Amino acid sequence: MQQGQAAILETERLRLVDFTAAHLGDFAAMNADPDVMAFFPARLSREKSAVMLHRLIAHREQHGFSLFALHLKSDHRFVGFTGLLRVDFEAHFTPAVEIGWRLPKFAWGQGLGPEAARACLAHGFGKIGLTDIVSFTAAINQRSIRVMEKIGMQHDTADDFDHPNLAADDPLCHHVLYRLRSVE
């Protein structure tokens, strides 16, 4: 975490901060890992990670929210991202805001993803005022599905869809959709 960068959200073990250009090294390393990117069409080069990071920062400027960089409180180590984004493709459930996450392999299995996601959901329903948040992944991505279920999202098979940016014969094409509605 950059010196002096204030946490936007905090959990028991994490500080969630706005992404900056200073995150590129850690961000790119995570996005280049074949295990981390197993359920995405491709790993990202440093250049493609830089483009994505720029898009995340621009999303925050335009919409007031985006993905957060996650840092451990104990040693300030970067442990991935979690946050909210507007869905950028057309589907039966759009327009929509999705919650997403990605953690480097060394951070898996510690409950950090659900911990950060719960804070982002509370932020989305509270401060941002959203009434519905979705999450989706390839139907074969059991790790992300477990996180969705741990944070209380609900699945209806009628909402599942084929991702419009993937070829019909791609094993990642068929996606499950989970949702959570505000309980005002």
N, C-alpha and C. Protein backbone atom coordinates (compact mmCIF):
# COMPACT_ATOMS: atom_id res chain seq x y z
N MET A 1 0.86 -1.17 0.00
CA MET A 1 0.00 0.00 0.00
C MET A 1 0.90 1.23 0.00
N GLN A 2 0.50 2.21 -0.77
CA GLN A 2 1.28 3.43 -0.83
C GLN A 2 1.29 4.10 0.54
N GLN A 3 2.42 4.69 0.86
CA GLN A 3 2.55 5.39 2.13
C GLN A 3 1.50 6.50 2.19
N GLY A 4 0.74 6.54 3.24
CA GLY A 4 -0.25 7.59 3.43
C GLY A 4 -1.56 7.39 2.71
N GLN A 5 -1.70 6.31 1.95
CA GLN A 5 -2.95 6.07 1.24
C GLN A 5 -4.00 5.59 2.24
N ALA A 6 -5.10 6.33 2.32
CA ALA A 6 -6.13 6.02 3.30
C ALA A 6 -6.99 4.85 2.84
N ALA A 7 -7.35 4.01 3.79
CA ALA A 7 -8.28 2.92 3.50
C ALA A 7 -9.68 3.50 3.30
N ILE A 8 -10.37 2.99 2.30
CA ILE A 8 -11.76 3.38 2.06
C ILE A 8 -12.66 2.51 2.93
N LEU A 9 -12.35 1.23 2.98
CA LEU A 9 -13.07 0.26 3.81
C LEU A 9 -12.04 -0.55 4.58
N GLU A 10 -12.45 -1.05 5.74
CA GLU A 10 -11.59 -1.93 6.51
C GLU A 10 -12.42 -3.11 7.00
N THR A 11 -11.75 -4.24 7.10
CA THR A 11 -12.33 -5.43 7.71
C THR A 11 -11.39 -5.83 8.85
N GLU A 12 -11.65 -6.95 9.43
CA GLU A 12 -10.79 -7.40 10.53
C GLU A 12 -9.33 -7.49 10.10
N ARG A 13 -9.09 -8.03 8.89
CA ARG A 13 -7.70 -8.26 8.46
C ARG A 13 -7.25 -7.42 7.27
N LEU A 14 -8.18 -6.68 6.66
CA LEU A 14 -7.87 -6.04 5.38
C LEU A 14 -8.14 -4.54 5.38
N ARG A 15 -7.36 -3.85 4.56
CA ARG A 15 -7.64 -2.46 4.18
C ARG A 15 -7.95 -2.48 2.70
N LEU A 16 -9.05 -1.87 2.32
CA LEU A 16 -9.45 -1.78 0.92
C LEU A 16 -9.20 -0.34 0.49
N VAL A 17 -8.34 -0.17 -0.50
CA VAL A 17 -7.93 1.16 -0.93
C VAL A 17 -8.21 1.32 -2.43
N ASP A 18 -8.28 2.57 -2.86
CA ASP A 18 -8.42 2.84 -4.29
C ASP A 18 -7.15 2.39 -5.00
N PHE A 19 -7.33 1.79 -6.17
CA PHE A 19 -6.19 1.44 -7.00
C PHE A 19 -5.49 2.70 -7.49
N THR A 20 -4.17 2.62 -7.58
CA THR A 20 -3.37 3.68 -8.19
C THR A 20 -2.36 3.00 -9.12
N ALA A 21 -1.65 3.80 -9.90
CA ALA A 21 -0.63 3.27 -10.80
C ALA A 21 0.44 2.50 -10.03
N ALA A 22 0.65 2.83 -8.76
CA ALA A 22 1.66 2.15 -7.95
C ALA A 22 1.34 0.67 -7.72
N HIS A 23 0.11 0.25 -7.96
CA HIS A 23 -0.28 -1.15 -7.79
C HIS A 23 0.09 -2.03 -8.98
N LEU A 24 0.56 -1.44 -10.07
CA LEU A 24 0.72 -2.19 -11.32
C LEU A 24 1.58 -3.44 -11.17
N GLY A 25 2.69 -3.39 -10.49
CA GLY A 25 3.56 -4.56 -10.37
C GLY A 25 2.86 -5.76 -9.77
N ASP A 26 2.24 -5.57 -8.61
CA ASP A 26 1.52 -6.66 -7.94
C ASP A 26 0.31 -7.11 -8.76
N PHE A 27 -0.40 -6.14 -9.31
CA PHE A 27 -1.60 -6.41 -10.11
C PHE A 27 -1.24 -7.26 -11.33
N ALA A 28 -0.19 -6.85 -12.03
CA ALA A 28 0.24 -7.57 -13.24
C ALA A 28 0.73 -8.98 -12.90
N ALA A 29 1.46 -9.12 -11.81
CA ALA A 29 1.95 -10.46 -11.41
C ALA A 29 0.78 -11.39 -11.14
N MET A 30 -0.24 -10.90 -10.45
CA MET A 30 -1.42 -11.72 -10.18
C MET A 30 -2.13 -12.11 -11.47
N ASN A 31 -2.29 -11.16 -12.38
CA ASN A 31 -3.02 -11.39 -13.63
C ASN A 31 -2.25 -12.27 -14.62
N ALA A 32 -0.97 -12.47 -14.38
CA ALA A 32 -0.15 -13.31 -15.25
C ALA A 32 -0.06 -14.76 -14.76
N ASP A 33 -0.56 -15.02 -13.56
CA ASP A 33 -0.46 -16.35 -12.97
C ASP A 33 -1.48 -17.29 -13.62
N PRO A 34 -1.03 -18.41 -14.19
CA PRO A 34 -1.96 -19.32 -14.86
C PRO A 34 -3.01 -19.93 -13.93
N ASP A 35 -2.68 -20.16 -12.68
CA ASP A 35 -3.67 -20.72 -11.75
C ASP A 35 -4.73 -19.68 -11.40
N VAL A 36 -4.32 -18.44 -11.16
CA VAL A 36 -5.26 -17.37 -10.84
C VAL A 36 -6.21 -17.13 -12.01
N MET A 37 -5.68 -17.22 -13.23
CA MET A 37 -6.46 -16.89 -14.43
C MET A 37 -7.05 -18.12 -15.12
N ALA A 38 -7.12 -19.24 -14.42
CA ALA A 38 -7.58 -20.50 -15.01
C ALA A 38 -8.99 -20.41 -15.59
N PHE A 39 -9.85 -19.56 -15.04
CA PHE A 39 -11.23 -19.48 -15.51
C PHE A 39 -11.51 -18.19 -16.27
N PHE A 40 -10.46 -17.63 -16.86
CA PHE A 40 -10.56 -16.48 -17.74
C PHE A 40 -10.00 -16.89 -19.10
N PRO A 41 -10.38 -16.21 -20.16
CA PRO A 41 -9.93 -16.62 -21.49
C PRO A 41 -8.41 -16.60 -21.66
N ALA A 42 -7.71 -15.72 -20.94
CA ALA A 42 -6.25 -15.64 -21.10
C ALA A 42 -5.64 -14.95 -19.89
N ARG A 43 -4.36 -15.22 -19.67
CA ARG A 43 -3.60 -14.45 -18.70
C ARG A 43 -3.36 -13.07 -19.30
N LEU A 44 -3.08 -12.10 -18.44
CA LEU A 44 -2.85 -10.75 -18.92
C LEU A 44 -1.37 -10.40 -18.86
N SER A 45 -0.89 -9.81 -19.95
CA SER A 45 0.48 -9.29 -19.96
C SER A 45 0.53 -8.06 -19.05
N ARG A 46 1.72 -7.59 -18.77
CA ARG A 46 1.87 -6.37 -17.97
C ARG A 46 1.16 -5.21 -18.66
N GLU A 47 1.27 -5.14 -19.98
CA GLU A 47 0.63 -4.06 -20.73
C GLU A 47 -0.90 -4.14 -20.62
N LYS A 48 -1.45 -5.34 -20.74
CA LYS A 48 -2.91 -5.49 -20.62
C LYS A 48 -3.38 -5.24 -19.19
N SER A 49 -2.56 -5.59 -18.22
CA SER A 49 -2.89 -5.27 -16.83
C SER A 49 -2.90 -3.76 -16.62
N ALA A 50 -1.95 -3.06 -17.26
CA ALA A 50 -1.91 -1.60 -17.14
C ALA A 50 -3.16 -0.97 -17.74
N VAL A 51 -3.62 -1.50 -18.86
CA VAL A 51 -4.85 -1.00 -19.48
C VAL A 51 -6.04 -1.26 -18.56
N MET A 52 -6.10 -2.46 -17.98
CA MET A 52 -7.20 -2.78 -17.06
C MET A 52 -7.16 -1.87 -15.84
N LEU A 53 -5.98 -1.65 -15.28
CA LEU A 53 -5.85 -0.79 -14.12
C LEU A 53 -6.33 0.63 -14.45
N HIS A 54 -5.97 1.12 -15.60
CA HIS A 54 -6.42 2.45 -16.04
C HIS A 54 -7.96 2.48 -16.14
N ARG A 55 -8.55 1.41 -16.69
CA ARG A 55 -10.02 1.33 -16.79
C ARG A 55 -10.67 1.33 -15.42
N LEU A 56 -10.07 0.64 -14.45
CA LEU A 56 -10.64 0.60 -13.10
C LEU A 56 -10.60 1.98 -12.44
N ILE A 57 -9.51 2.69 -12.62
CA ILE A 57 -9.39 4.03 -12.07
C ILE A 57 -10.39 4.96 -12.75
N ALA A 58 -10.54 4.85 -14.08
CA ALA A 58 -11.51 5.67 -14.82
C ALA A 58 -12.94 5.34 -14.40
N HIS A 59 -13.23 4.06 -14.13
CA HIS A 59 -14.56 3.65 -13.68
C HIS A 59 -14.90 4.34 -12.37
N ARG A 60 -13.93 4.39 -11.45
CA ARG A 60 -14.16 5.06 -10.16
C ARG A 60 -14.44 6.54 -10.38
N GLU A 61 -13.68 7.17 -11.26
CA GLU A 61 -13.88 8.60 -11.53
C GLU A 61 -15.25 8.86 -12.15
N GLN A 62 -15.70 7.97 -13.03
CA GLN A 62 -16.97 8.15 -13.71
C GLN A 62 -18.18 7.79 -12.85
N HIS A 63 -18.08 6.69 -12.10
CA HIS A 63 -19.25 6.16 -11.38
C HIS A 63 -19.19 6.31 -9.86
N GLY A 64 -18.03 6.65 -9.33
CA GLY A 64 -17.91 6.80 -7.89
C GLY A 64 -17.60 5.51 -7.15
N PHE A 65 -17.44 4.43 -7.88
CA PHE A 65 -17.05 3.14 -7.28
C PHE A 65 -16.31 2.32 -8.32
N SER A 66 -15.57 1.32 -7.83
CA SER A 66 -14.80 0.44 -8.71
C SER A 66 -14.28 -0.71 -7.86
N LEU A 67 -13.28 -1.39 -8.36
CA LEU A 67 -12.60 -2.40 -7.58
C LEU A 67 -11.63 -1.73 -6.61
N PHE A 68 -11.47 -2.35 -5.44
CA PHE A 68 -10.50 -1.90 -4.45
C PHE A 68 -9.29 -2.83 -4.46
N ALA A 69 -8.12 -2.28 -4.24
CA ALA A 69 -6.94 -3.08 -3.96
C ALA A 69 -7.02 -3.52 -2.51
N LEU A 70 -6.73 -4.79 -2.26
CA LEU A 70 -6.77 -5.35 -0.91
C LEU A 70 -5.36 -5.43 -0.35
N HIS A 71 -5.20 -4.97 0.88
CA HIS A 71 -3.91 -5.05 1.56
C HIS A 71 -4.13 -5.61 2.96
N LEU A 72 -3.25 -6.52 3.36
CA LEU A 72 -3.31 -7.02 4.73
C LEU A 72 -2.97 -5.90 5.70
N LYS A 73 -3.72 -5.82 6.77
CA LYS A 73 -3.41 -4.84 7.82
C LYS A 73 -2.07 -5.16 8.49
N SER A 74 -1.78 -6.45 8.62
CA SER A 74 -0.60 -6.87 9.37
C SER A 74 0.71 -6.42 8.74
N ASP A 75 0.82 -6.48 7.41
CA ASP A 75 2.10 -6.14 6.77
C ASP A 75 1.95 -5.31 5.50
N HIS A 76 0.74 -4.87 5.20
CA HIS A 76 0.43 -4.03 4.04
C HIS A 76 0.61 -4.75 2.70
N ARG A 77 0.75 -6.06 2.72
CA ARG A 77 0.97 -6.83 1.49
C ARG A 77 -0.28 -6.80 0.62
N PHE A 78 -0.09 -6.65 -0.70
CA PHE A 78 -1.18 -6.69 -1.67
C PHE A 78 -1.71 -8.12 -1.77
N VAL A 79 -3.02 -8.28 -1.60
CA VAL A 79 -3.62 -9.62 -1.67
C VAL A 79 -4.81 -9.65 -2.61
N GLY A 80 -4.77 -8.84 -3.68
CA GLY A 80 -5.78 -8.93 -4.72
C GLY A 80 -6.73 -7.77 -4.76
N PHE A 81 -7.93 -8.06 -5.30
CA PHE A 81 -8.95 -7.02 -5.39
C PHE A 81 -10.33 -7.58 -5.13
N THR A 82 -11.21 -6.70 -4.74
CA THR A 82 -12.63 -6.96 -4.60
C THR A 82 -13.33 -5.63 -4.81
N GLY A 83 -14.50 -5.66 -5.39
CA GLY A 83 -15.24 -4.41 -5.56
C GLY A 83 -16.39 -4.54 -6.51
N LEU A 84 -16.88 -3.38 -6.91
CA LEU A 84 -18.10 -3.28 -7.71
C LEU A 84 -17.81 -2.59 -9.04
N LEU A 85 -18.39 -3.14 -10.11
CA LEU A 85 -18.26 -2.56 -11.45
C LEU A 85 -19.59 -2.65 -12.18
N ARG A 86 -19.83 -1.70 -13.04
CA ARG A 86 -20.97 -1.82 -13.95
C ARG A 86 -20.65 -2.90 -14.97
N VAL A 87 -21.60 -3.78 -15.25
CA VAL A 87 -21.40 -4.83 -16.24
C VAL A 87 -21.27 -4.16 -17.61
N ASP A 88 -20.23 -4.53 -18.35
CA ASP A 88 -19.93 -3.83 -19.60
C ASP A 88 -20.33 -4.59 -20.86
N PHE A 89 -21.27 -5.51 -20.73
CA PHE A 89 -21.81 -6.18 -21.91
C PHE A 89 -23.32 -6.29 -21.76
N GLU A 90 -23.98 -6.60 -22.86
CA GLU A 90 -25.43 -6.71 -22.84
C GLU A 90 -25.85 -8.15 -22.57
N ALA A 91 -26.78 -8.31 -21.64
CA ALA A 91 -27.33 -9.63 -21.30
C ALA A 91 -28.72 -9.41 -20.71
N HIS A 92 -29.42 -10.50 -20.46
CA HIS A 92 -30.79 -10.39 -19.95
C HIS A 92 -30.88 -9.70 -18.58
N PHE A 93 -29.77 -9.63 -17.84
CA PHE A 93 -29.80 -9.04 -16.50
C PHE A 93 -29.17 -7.64 -16.45
N THR A 94 -28.78 -7.10 -17.58
CA THR A 94 -28.16 -5.77 -17.60
C THR A 94 -29.21 -4.72 -17.96
N PRO A 95 -29.00 -3.48 -17.52
CA PRO A 95 -27.83 -2.98 -16.80
C PRO A 95 -27.78 -3.54 -15.38
N ALA A 96 -26.56 -3.68 -14.89
CA ALA A 96 -26.36 -4.27 -13.56
C ALA A 96 -25.00 -3.85 -13.03
N VAL A 97 -24.86 -3.99 -11.71
CA VAL A 97 -23.57 -3.80 -11.04
C VAL A 97 -23.16 -5.16 -10.50
N GLU A 98 -21.93 -5.53 -10.80
CA GLU A 98 -21.42 -6.82 -10.33
C GLU A 98 -20.39 -6.63 -9.24
N ILE A 99 -20.30 -7.62 -8.38
CA ILE A 99 -19.21 -7.71 -7.42
C ILE A 99 -18.26 -8.76 -7.95
N GLY A 100 -16.97 -8.45 -7.88
CA GLY A 100 -15.96 -9.38 -8.35
C GLY A 100 -14.76 -9.39 -7.42
N TRP A 101 -13.90 -10.38 -7.60
CA TRP A 101 -12.72 -10.53 -6.77
C TRP A 101 -11.68 -11.32 -7.54
N ARG A 102 -10.45 -11.14 -7.15
CA ARG A 102 -9.33 -11.93 -7.66
C ARG A 102 -8.23 -11.82 -6.62
N LEU A 103 -7.71 -12.97 -6.21
CA LEU A 103 -6.64 -13.00 -5.21
C LEU A 103 -5.48 -13.81 -5.74
N PRO A 104 -4.25 -13.40 -5.41
CA PRO A 104 -3.09 -14.21 -5.80
C PRO A 104 -3.14 -15.55 -5.06
N LYS A 105 -2.53 -16.54 -5.64
CA LYS A 105 -2.65 -17.90 -5.12
C LYS A 105 -2.24 -18.02 -3.65
N PHE A 106 -1.21 -17.27 -3.22
CA PHE A 106 -0.76 -17.38 -1.83
C PHE A 106 -1.84 -16.93 -0.84
N ALA A 107 -2.85 -16.19 -1.32
CA ALA A 107 -3.90 -15.68 -0.43
C ALA A 107 -5.15 -16.56 -0.44
N TRP A 108 -5.16 -17.61 -1.24
CA TRP A 108 -6.33 -18.49 -1.31
C TRP A 108 -6.51 -19.27 -0.01
N GLY A 109 -7.74 -19.66 0.25
CA GLY A 109 -8.04 -20.56 1.36
C GLY A 109 -7.97 -19.95 2.74
N GLN A 110 -7.92 -18.62 2.82
CA GLN A 110 -7.82 -17.95 4.11
C GLN A 110 -9.09 -17.15 4.45
N GLY A 111 -10.09 -17.21 3.57
CA GLY A 111 -11.32 -16.47 3.81
C GLY A 111 -11.22 -14.98 3.50
N LEU A 112 -10.15 -14.55 2.84
CA LEU A 112 -9.98 -13.13 2.54
C LEU A 112 -10.97 -12.64 1.48
N GLY A 113 -11.26 -13.47 0.49
CA GLY A 113 -12.22 -13.09 -0.56
C GLY A 113 -13.60 -12.80 0.01
N PRO A 114 -14.18 -13.74 0.74
CA PRO A 114 -15.49 -13.46 1.33
C PRO A 114 -15.46 -12.29 2.32
N GLU A 115 -14.39 -12.16 3.08
CA GLU A 115 -14.28 -11.07 4.05
C GLU A 115 -14.34 -9.71 3.34
N ALA A 116 -13.57 -9.58 2.27
CA ALA A 116 -13.56 -8.32 1.51
C ALA A 116 -14.89 -8.12 0.77
N ALA A 117 -15.43 -9.20 0.23
CA ALA A 117 -16.69 -9.10 -0.53
C ALA A 117 -17.84 -8.64 0.36
N ARG A 118 -17.90 -9.14 1.58
CA ARG A 118 -18.97 -8.71 2.50
C ARG A 118 -18.89 -7.20 2.76
N ALA A 119 -17.67 -6.69 2.92
CA ALA A 119 -17.50 -5.25 3.14
C ALA A 119 -17.94 -4.47 1.90
N CYS A 120 -17.63 -4.98 0.72
CA CYS A 120 -18.03 -4.30 -0.52
C CYS A 120 -19.54 -4.34 -0.73
N LEU A 121 -20.16 -5.45 -0.37
CA LEU A 121 -21.63 -5.53 -0.47
C LEU A 121 -22.27 -4.50 0.46
N ALA A 122 -21.80 -4.43 1.68
CA ALA A 122 -22.36 -3.46 2.63
C ALA A 122 -22.17 -2.03 2.12
N HIS A 123 -21.02 -1.76 1.54
CA HIS A 123 -20.72 -0.44 0.95
C HIS A 123 -21.66 -0.17 -0.23
N GLY A 124 -21.85 -1.19 -1.08
CA GLY A 124 -22.72 -1.02 -2.25
C GLY A 124 -24.17 -0.77 -1.87
N PHE A 125 -24.68 -1.52 -0.92
CA PHE A 125 -26.07 -1.34 -0.52
C PHE A 125 -26.23 -0.11 0.37
N GLY A 126 -25.22 0.20 1.17
CA GLY A 126 -25.29 1.34 2.08
C GLY A 126 -24.94 2.65 1.42
N LYS A 127 -23.66 2.93 1.35
CA LYS A 127 -23.19 4.23 0.86
C LYS A 127 -23.58 4.50 -0.60
N ILE A 128 -23.45 3.50 -1.46
CA ILE A 128 -23.74 3.71 -2.88
C ILE A 128 -25.25 3.68 -3.15
N GLY A 129 -25.99 2.93 -2.34
CA GLY A 129 -27.45 2.89 -2.49
C GLY A 129 -27.96 1.93 -3.54
N LEU A 130 -27.18 0.90 -3.86
CA LEU A 130 -27.64 -0.09 -4.83
C LEU A 130 -28.75 -0.95 -4.22
N THR A 131 -29.63 -1.46 -5.05
CA THR A 131 -30.69 -2.34 -4.58
C THR A 131 -30.47 -3.79 -5.01
N ASP A 132 -29.58 -4.00 -5.98
CA ASP A 132 -29.35 -5.34 -6.53
C ASP A 132 -27.89 -5.42 -6.97
N ILE A 133 -27.19 -6.47 -6.57
CA ILE A 133 -25.81 -6.69 -6.99
C ILE A 133 -25.73 -8.12 -7.50
N VAL A 134 -25.07 -8.29 -8.65
CA VAL A 134 -24.92 -9.61 -9.25
C VAL A 134 -23.46 -10.04 -9.21
N SER A 135 -23.25 -11.31 -9.42
CA SER A 135 -21.93 -11.86 -9.64
C SER A 135 -22.10 -13.03 -10.59
N PHE A 136 -21.10 -13.24 -11.42
CA PHE A 136 -21.18 -14.33 -12.38
C PHE A 136 -19.80 -14.88 -12.65
N THR A 137 -19.78 -16.13 -13.08
CA THR A 137 -18.53 -16.78 -13.42
C THR A 137 -18.84 -17.96 -14.33
N ALA A 138 -17.79 -18.48 -14.95
CA ALA A 138 -17.94 -19.70 -15.73
C ALA A 138 -18.50 -20.79 -14.81
N ALA A 139 -19.43 -21.57 -15.34
CA ALA A 139 -20.10 -22.61 -14.54
C ALA A 139 -19.12 -23.62 -13.95
N ILE A 140 -17.94 -23.72 -14.54
CA ILE A 140 -16.94 -24.68 -14.04
C ILE A 140 -16.04 -24.10 -12.96
N ASN A 141 -16.23 -22.84 -12.60
CA ASN A 141 -15.38 -22.17 -11.61
C ASN A 141 -15.95 -22.34 -10.21
N GLN A 142 -15.71 -23.48 -9.63
CA GLN A 142 -16.26 -23.80 -8.32
C GLN A 142 -15.72 -22.90 -7.21
N ARG A 143 -14.48 -22.41 -7.33
CA ARG A 143 -13.92 -21.55 -6.28
C ARG A 143 -14.74 -20.26 -6.16
N SER A 144 -15.03 -19.61 -7.28
CA SER A 144 -15.81 -18.36 -7.21
C SER A 144 -17.25 -18.63 -6.81
N ILE A 145 -17.81 -19.74 -7.25
CA ILE A 145 -19.17 -20.09 -6.85
C ILE A 145 -19.25 -20.25 -5.33
N ARG A 146 -18.24 -20.87 -4.73
CA ARG A 146 -18.21 -21.02 -3.27
C ARG A 146 -18.20 -19.65 -2.58
N VAL A 147 -17.43 -18.70 -3.13
CA VAL A 147 -17.40 -17.37 -2.53
C VAL A 147 -18.79 -16.73 -2.62
N MET A 148 -19.43 -16.83 -3.78
CA MET A 148 -20.77 -16.26 -3.96
C MET A 148 -21.73 -16.83 -2.93
N GLU A 149 -21.66 -18.12 -2.70
CA GLU A 149 -22.56 -18.75 -1.74
C GLU A 149 -22.21 -18.35 -0.31
N LYS A 150 -20.92 -18.24 0.00
CA LYS A 150 -20.51 -17.84 1.35
C LYS A 150 -20.97 -16.43 1.70
N ILE A 151 -21.09 -15.56 0.71
CA ILE A 151 -21.49 -14.17 1.00
C ILE A 151 -23.00 -13.98 0.88
N GLY A 152 -23.73 -15.08 0.72
CA GLY A 152 -25.18 -15.02 0.76
C GLY A 152 -25.88 -14.74 -0.56
N MET A 153 -25.16 -14.82 -1.67
CA MET A 153 -25.80 -14.58 -2.96
C MET A 153 -26.65 -15.79 -3.34
N GLN A 154 -27.69 -15.52 -4.11
CA GLN A 154 -28.64 -16.57 -4.49
C GLN A 154 -28.54 -16.90 -5.97
N HIS A 155 -28.73 -18.17 -6.30
CA HIS A 155 -28.63 -18.63 -7.68
C HIS A 155 -29.98 -19.15 -8.15
N ASP A 156 -30.36 -18.73 -9.34
CA ASP A 156 -31.55 -19.25 -10.02
C ASP A 156 -31.08 -19.70 -11.39
N THR A 157 -31.22 -20.97 -11.70
CA THR A 157 -30.71 -21.49 -12.97
C THR A 157 -31.32 -20.78 -14.18
N ALA A 158 -32.50 -20.19 -14.01
CA ALA A 158 -33.12 -19.45 -15.11
C ALA A 158 -32.31 -18.21 -15.49
N ASP A 159 -31.43 -17.74 -14.59
CA ASP A 159 -30.60 -16.58 -14.86
C ASP A 159 -29.28 -16.92 -15.55
N ASP A 160 -28.91 -18.20 -15.59
CA ASP A 160 -27.64 -18.58 -16.20
C ASP A 160 -27.62 -18.18 -17.67
N PHE A 161 -26.43 -17.96 -18.22
CA PHE A 161 -26.33 -17.42 -19.58
C PHE A 161 -25.01 -17.83 -20.22
N ASP A 162 -24.98 -17.70 -21.52
CA ASP A 162 -23.74 -17.86 -22.27
C ASP A 162 -23.12 -16.48 -22.42
N HIS A 163 -21.85 -16.36 -22.03
CA HIS A 163 -21.19 -15.05 -22.06
C HIS A 163 -21.07 -14.58 -23.51
N PRO A 164 -21.56 -13.37 -23.80
CA PRO A 164 -21.57 -12.91 -25.19
C PRO A 164 -20.19 -12.63 -25.77
N ASN A 165 -19.16 -12.55 -24.94
CA ASN A 165 -17.81 -12.28 -25.44
C ASN A 165 -16.98 -13.55 -25.64
N LEU A 166 -17.62 -14.71 -25.48
CA LEU A 166 -16.92 -15.98 -25.65
C LEU A 166 -17.60 -16.83 -26.71
N ALA A 167 -16.82 -17.61 -27.42
CA ALA A 167 -17.36 -18.50 -28.45
C ALA A 167 -18.23 -19.57 -27.79
N ALA A 168 -19.27 -19.98 -28.48
CA ALA A 168 -20.22 -20.95 -27.93
C ALA A 168 -19.55 -22.27 -27.54
N ASP A 169 -18.47 -22.64 -28.23
CA ASP A 169 -17.80 -23.91 -27.91
C ASP A 169 -16.67 -23.74 -26.89
N ASP A 170 -16.48 -22.55 -26.37
CA ASP A 170 -15.46 -22.31 -25.34
C ASP A 170 -15.95 -22.93 -24.03
N PRO A 171 -15.12 -23.71 -23.34
CA PRO A 171 -15.55 -24.33 -22.07
C PRO A 171 -15.92 -23.31 -20.99
N LEU A 172 -15.50 -22.05 -21.16
CA LEU A 172 -15.83 -21.01 -20.20
C LEU A 172 -17.11 -20.25 -20.56
N CYS A 173 -17.71 -20.56 -21.71
CA CYS A 173 -18.84 -19.77 -22.21
C CYS A 173 -20.05 -19.78 -21.27
N HIS A 174 -20.44 -20.96 -20.80
CA HIS A 174 -21.65 -21.03 -19.97
C HIS A 174 -21.36 -20.48 -18.58
N HIS A 175 -22.15 -19.47 -18.17
CA HIS A 175 -21.95 -18.78 -16.90
C HIS A 175 -23.15 -18.96 -15.98
N VAL A 176 -22.86 -18.98 -14.69
CA VAL A 176 -23.89 -18.94 -13.67
C VAL A 176 -23.99 -17.51 -13.17
N LEU A 177 -25.19 -17.09 -12.83
CA LEU A 177 -25.43 -15.75 -12.30
C LEU A 177 -25.99 -15.89 -10.89
N TYR A 178 -25.39 -15.17 -9.97
CA TYR A 178 -25.87 -15.10 -8.58
C TYR A 178 -26.26 -13.66 -8.33
N ARG A 179 -27.21 -13.46 -7.43
CA ARG A 179 -27.64 -12.10 -7.08
C ARG A 179 -27.89 -11.97 -5.58
N LEU A 180 -27.83 -10.70 -5.18
CA LEU A 180 -28.20 -10.36 -3.82
C LEU A 180 -28.95 -9.04 -3.90
N ARG A 181 -30.08 -9.00 -3.23
CA ARG A 181 -30.90 -7.77 -3.21
C ARG A 181 -30.81 -7.14 -1.83
N SER A 182 -30.89 -5.85 -1.82
CA SER A 182 -30.88 -5.08 -0.58
C SER A 182 -32.08 -5.49 0.27
N VAL A 183 -31.90 -5.52 1.57
CA VAL A 183 -32.99 -5.89 2.48
C VAL A 183 -33.43 -4.67 3.28
N GLU A 184 -33.81 -3.63 2.58
CA GLU A 184 -34.24 -2.38 3.23
C GLU A 184 -35.48 -2.58 4.05
